[in-house]
Amino acid sequence: MEKAHNNYTVYKHTTPSGKVYIGITSKKPEKRWLNGRGYRRNNHFWNATKKYGWENIRHEILATGLTR
């Protein structure tokens, strides 16, 4: 039986236009985000980071210590 790891974080990014991105990671969120560079493979959110600037997007941690 596989051991449950309680090390996932759910986070939320909100753009100035009000659009929301919800994500989950087992990494430290800042390492996952890479100041926006962590989203290069997600065209929609990557374009939003270029349009608004990473510093203008609100970043929130919704929950920590979760199992996947």
Protein backbone atom coordinates (compact mmCIF):
# COMPACT_ATOMS: atom_id res chain seq x y z
CA MET A 1 0.00 0.00 0.00
CA GLU A 2 1.36 3.38 -1.01
CA LYS A 3 1.98 5.91 1.74
CA ALA A 4 -0.03 9.14 1.44
CA HIS A 5 2.14 12.22 1.22
CA ASN A 6 0.69 15.36 2.77
CA ASN A 7 2.81 17.82 0.88
CA TYR A 8 0.58 19.31 -1.81
CA THR A 9 -0.38 22.97 -2.03
CA VAL A 10 -3.41 24.40 -3.85
CA TYR A 11 -2.98 27.96 -5.05
CA LYS A 12 -4.84 30.63 -6.98
CA HIS A 13 -3.66 33.35 -9.35
CA THR A 14 -6.07 36.18 -10.19
CA THR A 15 -5.38 38.55 -13.09
CA PRO A 16 -6.41 42.22 -13.02
CA SER A 17 -9.28 41.32 -15.38
CA GLY A 18 -10.62 38.89 -12.74
CA LYS A 19 -9.73 35.65 -14.53
CA VAL A 20 -8.54 32.91 -12.17
CA TYR A 21 -6.03 30.08 -12.45
CA ILE A 22 -6.18 27.32 -9.81
CA GLY A 23 -3.22 24.98 -9.49
CA ILE A 24 -1.81 22.22 -7.32
CA THR A 25 1.85 21.43 -6.74
CA SER A 26 4.04 19.22 -4.62
CA LYS A 27 6.86 21.76 -4.95
CA LYS A 28 7.31 24.92 -2.96
CA PRO A 29 4.86 27.27 -4.77
CA GLU A 30 7.49 29.92 -5.53
CA LYS A 31 9.61 27.27 -7.26
CA ARG A 32 6.60 26.09 -9.29
CA TRP A 33 5.69 29.63 -10.29
CA LEU A 34 9.22 30.84 -11.18
CA ASN A 35 7.91 34.42 -11.27
CA GLY A 36 5.55 33.39 -14.08
CA ARG A 37 8.12 31.48 -16.14
CA GLY A 38 6.72 28.20 -14.82
CA TYR A 39 3.67 28.70 -17.07
CA ARG A 40 5.35 28.85 -20.49
CA ARG A 41 3.59 25.62 -21.53
CA ASN A 42 0.16 27.00 -20.59
CA ASN A 43 -0.54 29.41 -23.45
CA HIS A 44 -3.52 31.17 -21.86
CA PHE A 45 -1.91 31.88 -18.52
CA TRP A 46 1.52 32.58 -20.03
CA ASN A 47 -0.09 35.22 -22.26
CA ALA A 48 -1.80 36.73 -19.21
CA THR A 49 1.54 36.97 -17.37
CA LYS A 50 3.04 38.77 -20.36
CA LYS A 51 0.04 41.07 -20.73
CA TYR A 52 -0.37 42.09 -17.07
CA GLY A 53 3.08 41.39 -15.62
CA TRP A 54 3.66 38.78 -12.92
CA GLU A 55 3.79 41.44 -10.21
CA ASN A 56 0.25 42.59 -11.13
CA ILE A 57 -1.32 39.15 -10.72
CA ARG A 58 -2.58 38.28 -7.22
CA HIS A 59 -1.15 35.02 -5.85
CA GLU A 60 -2.87 33.18 -3.00
CA ILE A 61 -2.18 29.92 -1.20
CA LEU A 62 -5.57 28.26 -0.65
CA ALA A 63 -4.49 25.10 1.22
CA THR A 64 -1.32 23.28 2.24
CA GLY A 65 -0.44 19.88 3.63
CA LEU A 66 -2.84 18.06 1.33
CA THR A 67 -2.72 14.64 -0.27
CA ARG A 68 -3.16 14.61 -3.99
